[in-house]
N, C-alpha and C. Protein backbone atom coordinates (compact mmCIF):
# COMPACT_ATOMS: atom_id res chain seq x y z
N ALA A 1 0.85 -1.20 0.00
CA ALA A 1 0.00 0.00 0.00
C ALA A 1 0.88 1.25 0.00
N MET A 2 0.42 2.26 -0.69
CA MET A 2 1.14 3.52 -0.73
C MET A 2 0.86 4.31 0.53
N LEU A 3 1.86 4.99 1.04
CA LEU A 3 1.68 5.80 2.24
C LEU A 3 1.43 7.24 1.86
N VAL A 4 0.39 7.81 2.45
CA VAL A 4 0.07 9.21 2.22
C VAL A 4 0.75 10.03 3.31
N PRO A 5 1.55 11.03 2.95
CA PRO A 5 2.19 11.85 3.99
C PRO A 5 1.15 12.61 4.80
N THR A 6 1.39 12.74 6.09
CA THR A 6 0.38 13.34 6.95
C THR A 6 0.87 14.60 7.66
N GLY A 7 2.02 15.08 7.30
CA GLY A 7 2.49 16.28 7.98
C GLY A 7 2.93 15.99 9.39
N SER A 8 2.56 16.86 10.31
CA SER A 8 3.08 16.73 11.68
C SER A 8 2.04 16.09 12.58
N LEU A 9 2.09 14.78 12.65
CA LEU A 9 1.22 14.06 13.57
C LEU A 9 2.01 13.83 14.84
N THR A 10 1.43 14.19 15.97
CA THR A 10 2.14 14.05 17.24
C THR A 10 2.01 12.63 17.76
N ARG A 11 3.13 12.06 18.12
CA ARG A 11 3.09 10.74 18.75
C ARG A 11 2.78 10.93 20.23
N LYS A 12 1.77 10.23 20.71
CA LYS A 12 1.37 10.35 22.11
C LYS A 12 2.03 9.25 22.92
N ASN A 13 2.44 9.62 24.12
CA ASN A 13 3.06 8.64 25.02
C ASN A 13 2.02 8.08 25.98
N ARG A 14 2.01 6.76 26.11
CA ARG A 14 1.11 6.10 27.05
C ARG A 14 1.95 5.18 27.92
N THR A 15 1.73 5.23 29.23
CA THR A 15 2.42 4.34 30.16
C THR A 15 1.38 3.62 31.00
N VAL A 16 1.49 2.30 31.06
CA VAL A 16 0.55 1.50 31.86
C VAL A 16 1.35 0.52 32.71
N LEU A 17 0.69 0.00 33.74
CA LEU A 17 1.29 -1.04 34.56
C LEU A 17 0.99 -2.40 33.94
N GLN A 18 1.95 -3.31 34.03
CA GLN A 18 1.75 -4.65 33.49
C GLN A 18 0.46 -5.24 34.04
N GLY A 19 -0.33 -5.85 33.15
CA GLY A 19 -1.60 -6.46 33.55
C GLY A 19 -2.79 -5.55 33.33
N ASP A 20 -2.53 -4.25 33.12
CA ASP A 20 -3.62 -3.32 32.82
C ASP A 20 -4.06 -3.47 31.37
N ASP A 21 -5.27 -2.97 31.09
CA ASP A 21 -5.75 -2.87 29.72
C ASP A 21 -5.55 -1.43 29.26
N VAL A 22 -5.29 -1.25 27.98
CA VAL A 22 -5.16 0.10 27.45
C VAL A 22 -5.79 0.15 26.06
N LEU A 23 -6.52 1.24 25.83
CA LEU A 23 -7.10 1.47 24.51
C LEU A 23 -6.34 2.61 23.84
N LEU A 24 -5.86 2.34 22.63
CA LEU A 24 -5.20 3.37 21.84
C LEU A 24 -6.21 3.84 20.79
N PRO A 25 -6.81 5.01 21.00
CA PRO A 25 -7.88 5.45 20.11
C PRO A 25 -7.38 5.76 18.71
N CYS A 26 -8.23 5.46 17.73
CA CYS A 26 -7.92 5.78 16.35
C CYS A 26 -9.23 6.00 15.60
N ASP A 27 -9.47 7.23 15.20
CA ASP A 27 -10.71 7.57 14.50
C ASP A 27 -10.52 7.43 13.00
N GLN A 28 -11.27 6.52 12.40
CA GLN A 28 -11.24 6.38 10.96
C GLN A 28 -12.05 7.52 10.34
N ARG A 29 -11.49 8.14 9.31
CA ARG A 29 -12.18 9.27 8.69
C ARG A 29 -13.24 8.81 7.71
N SER A 30 -13.23 7.54 7.36
CA SER A 30 -14.16 7.04 6.36
C SER A 30 -14.68 5.68 6.79
N ASN A 31 -15.96 5.43 6.54
CA ASN A 31 -16.54 4.13 6.88
C ASN A 31 -15.96 3.01 6.02
N LEU A 32 -15.40 3.39 4.87
CA LEU A 32 -14.87 2.38 3.95
C LEU A 32 -13.44 2.01 4.29
N ALA A 33 -12.79 2.85 5.09
CA ALA A 33 -11.39 2.60 5.39
C ALA A 33 -11.26 1.43 6.37
N ARG A 34 -10.23 0.63 6.16
CA ARG A 34 -9.90 -0.46 7.07
C ARG A 34 -8.79 0.01 7.99
N ALA A 35 -8.97 -0.23 9.28
CA ALA A 35 -7.93 0.15 10.24
C ALA A 35 -6.77 -0.83 10.16
N VAL A 36 -5.57 -0.31 9.99
CA VAL A 36 -4.37 -1.13 9.96
C VAL A 36 -3.44 -0.61 11.07
N TRP A 37 -3.07 -1.50 11.98
CA TRP A 37 -2.16 -1.12 13.06
C TRP A 37 -0.81 -1.78 12.84
N LEU A 38 0.24 -0.99 13.07
CA LEU A 38 1.60 -1.52 13.04
C LEU A 38 2.21 -1.38 14.42
N LEU A 39 2.84 -2.44 14.89
CA LEU A 39 3.60 -2.40 16.14
C LEU A 39 5.06 -2.59 15.78
N ASN A 40 5.85 -1.55 16.03
CA ASN A 40 7.28 -1.57 15.67
C ASN A 40 7.47 -1.97 14.21
N GLY A 41 6.56 -1.51 13.35
CA GLY A 41 6.70 -1.73 11.92
C GLY A 41 6.07 -2.99 11.39
N SER A 42 5.56 -3.86 12.28
CA SER A 42 4.92 -5.10 11.82
C SER A 42 3.41 -5.00 11.98
N GLU A 43 2.68 -5.45 10.95
CA GLU A 43 1.23 -5.31 11.00
C GLU A 43 0.64 -6.21 12.08
N VAL A 44 -0.29 -5.64 12.85
CA VAL A 44 -1.02 -6.37 13.89
C VAL A 44 -2.23 -7.01 13.23
N SER A 45 -2.40 -8.31 13.43
CA SER A 45 -3.52 -8.97 12.74
C SER A 45 -4.86 -8.55 13.34
N GLY A 46 -4.88 -8.30 14.66
CA GLY A 46 -6.08 -7.75 15.27
C GLY A 46 -7.17 -8.76 15.55
N ALA A 47 -6.91 -10.02 15.30
CA ALA A 47 -7.93 -11.04 15.56
C ALA A 47 -7.98 -11.43 17.03
N GLY A 48 -7.20 -10.76 17.85
CA GLY A 48 -7.26 -11.00 19.29
C GLY A 48 -6.10 -11.80 19.82
N GLN A 49 -5.21 -12.29 18.94
CA GLN A 49 -4.06 -12.99 19.49
C GLN A 49 -3.03 -11.98 19.98
N ASP A 50 -2.13 -12.44 20.82
CA ASP A 50 -1.14 -11.57 21.47
C ASP A 50 -1.83 -10.47 22.27
N ARG A 51 -3.10 -10.69 22.62
CA ARG A 51 -3.86 -9.76 23.47
C ARG A 51 -4.08 -8.41 22.81
N LEU A 52 -3.96 -8.38 21.49
CA LEU A 52 -4.21 -7.14 20.75
C LEU A 52 -5.49 -7.31 19.95
N ARG A 53 -6.42 -6.38 20.10
CA ARG A 53 -7.69 -6.49 19.39
C ARG A 53 -8.00 -5.16 18.71
N VAL A 54 -8.19 -5.23 17.41
CA VAL A 54 -8.53 -4.03 16.65
C VAL A 54 -10.05 -3.87 16.67
N GLY A 55 -10.49 -2.71 17.17
CA GLY A 55 -11.92 -2.42 17.19
C GLY A 55 -12.23 -1.16 16.41
N VAL A 56 -13.50 -0.79 16.40
CA VAL A 56 -13.89 0.40 15.62
C VAL A 56 -13.30 1.68 16.20
N ASP A 57 -13.07 1.68 17.51
CA ASP A 57 -12.60 2.92 18.13
C ASP A 57 -11.11 2.93 18.40
N GLY A 58 -10.42 1.84 18.06
CA GLY A 58 -8.98 1.83 18.29
C GLY A 58 -8.46 0.44 18.56
N LEU A 59 -7.25 0.40 19.10
CA LEU A 59 -6.60 -0.88 19.40
C LEU A 59 -6.66 -1.11 20.90
N LEU A 60 -7.23 -2.24 21.30
CA LEU A 60 -7.31 -2.59 22.71
C LEU A 60 -6.23 -3.62 23.02
N VAL A 61 -5.39 -3.28 24.00
CA VAL A 61 -4.38 -4.23 24.48
C VAL A 61 -4.83 -4.67 25.86
N THR A 62 -5.09 -5.97 26.01
CA THR A 62 -5.60 -6.48 27.29
C THR A 62 -4.50 -7.21 28.03
N ASP A 63 -4.52 -7.07 29.36
CA ASP A 63 -3.58 -7.78 30.23
C ASP A 63 -2.15 -7.59 29.72
N THR A 64 -1.75 -6.32 29.67
CA THR A 64 -0.49 -5.94 29.01
C THR A 64 0.73 -6.63 29.61
N LEU A 65 1.68 -6.89 28.74
CA LEU A 65 2.97 -7.48 29.09
C LEU A 65 4.07 -6.52 28.64
N PRO A 66 5.29 -6.65 29.23
CA PRO A 66 6.38 -5.76 28.82
C PRO A 66 6.64 -5.79 27.31
N GLN A 67 6.42 -6.94 26.66
CA GLN A 67 6.71 -6.99 25.22
C GLN A 67 5.68 -6.23 24.39
N HIS A 68 4.62 -5.74 25.03
CA HIS A 68 3.67 -4.88 24.31
C HIS A 68 4.20 -3.45 24.18
N SER A 69 5.28 -3.14 24.88
CA SER A 69 5.86 -1.80 24.76
C SER A 69 6.36 -1.60 23.34
N GLY A 70 6.24 -0.36 22.86
CA GLY A 70 6.78 -0.07 21.54
C GLY A 70 6.02 1.03 20.83
N ASP A 71 6.24 1.06 19.54
CA ASP A 71 5.73 2.13 18.68
C ASP A 71 4.51 1.62 17.91
N TYR A 72 3.37 2.20 18.21
CA TYR A 72 2.11 1.79 17.57
C TYR A 72 1.68 2.87 16.59
N ARG A 73 1.28 2.44 15.40
CA ARG A 73 0.77 3.39 14.41
C ARG A 73 -0.53 2.87 13.83
N CYS A 74 -1.50 3.76 13.73
CA CYS A 74 -2.79 3.41 13.15
C CYS A 74 -2.95 4.08 11.80
N TYR A 75 -3.25 3.27 10.80
CA TYR A 75 -3.49 3.78 9.45
C TYR A 75 -4.92 3.48 9.03
N GLY A 76 -5.46 4.35 8.22
CA GLY A 76 -6.70 4.05 7.53
C GLY A 76 -6.34 3.64 6.11
N GLU A 77 -6.76 2.44 5.73
CA GLU A 77 -6.42 1.95 4.39
C GLU A 77 -7.68 1.93 3.53
N GLU A 78 -7.61 2.63 2.41
CA GLU A 78 -8.75 2.72 1.51
C GLU A 78 -8.23 2.78 0.08
N ARG A 79 -8.72 1.89 -0.77
CA ARG A 79 -8.31 1.83 -2.17
C ARG A 79 -6.79 1.80 -2.31
N GLY A 80 -6.15 1.02 -1.44
CA GLY A 80 -4.70 0.84 -1.54
C GLY A 80 -3.87 1.98 -0.98
N LEU A 81 -4.51 3.00 -0.44
CA LEU A 81 -3.77 4.11 0.17
C LEU A 81 -3.86 4.00 1.68
N ARG A 82 -2.73 4.19 2.33
CA ARG A 82 -2.71 4.19 3.79
C ARG A 82 -2.41 5.58 4.31
N THR A 83 -3.30 6.08 5.17
CA THR A 83 -3.11 7.39 5.79
C THR A 83 -2.87 7.19 7.28
N LEU A 84 -1.78 7.76 7.78
CA LEU A 84 -1.48 7.65 9.21
C LEU A 84 -2.46 8.52 9.99
N LEU A 85 -3.16 7.90 10.94
CA LEU A 85 -4.19 8.61 11.71
C LEU A 85 -3.78 8.84 13.14
N ALA A 86 -2.97 7.97 13.70
CA ALA A 86 -2.59 8.09 15.10
C ALA A 86 -1.29 7.34 15.33
N ALA A 87 -0.51 7.83 16.29
CA ALA A 87 0.76 7.18 16.63
C ALA A 87 0.96 7.27 18.14
N TYR A 88 1.38 6.16 18.70
CA TYR A 88 1.56 6.07 20.15
C TYR A 88 2.89 5.39 20.48
N SER A 89 3.47 5.85 21.57
CA SER A 89 4.59 5.15 22.15
C SER A 89 4.09 4.56 23.48
N LEU A 90 4.01 3.24 23.54
CA LEU A 90 3.47 2.57 24.72
C LEU A 90 4.59 1.99 25.56
N THR A 91 4.54 2.29 26.86
CA THR A 91 5.51 1.72 27.79
C THR A 91 4.73 0.92 28.84
N VAL A 92 5.09 -0.34 28.99
CA VAL A 92 4.47 -1.20 30.02
C VAL A 92 5.48 -1.40 31.13
N LEU A 93 5.11 -0.98 32.33
CA LEU A 93 6.01 -1.05 33.49
C LEU A 93 5.83 -2.35 34.26
């Protein structure tokens, strides 16, 4: 997919305690867009494995573990174009 430049999107920092749940919000601008999440550059399948679940309002990480720490990016994918909508740096303590 082609990446659409988004200008200056601020990466938000989130810190949670191990075992907590955290929702990383991501608003899709279009009903037709598919939410695509990347964790440290690898696409998250979102089917609920690794305690990561992609929902309509964002990415839910349940019962967090230290390996969930990292760089999360949410894209809206539509007609082969990916637009970066949200970016988070998650730290699990």
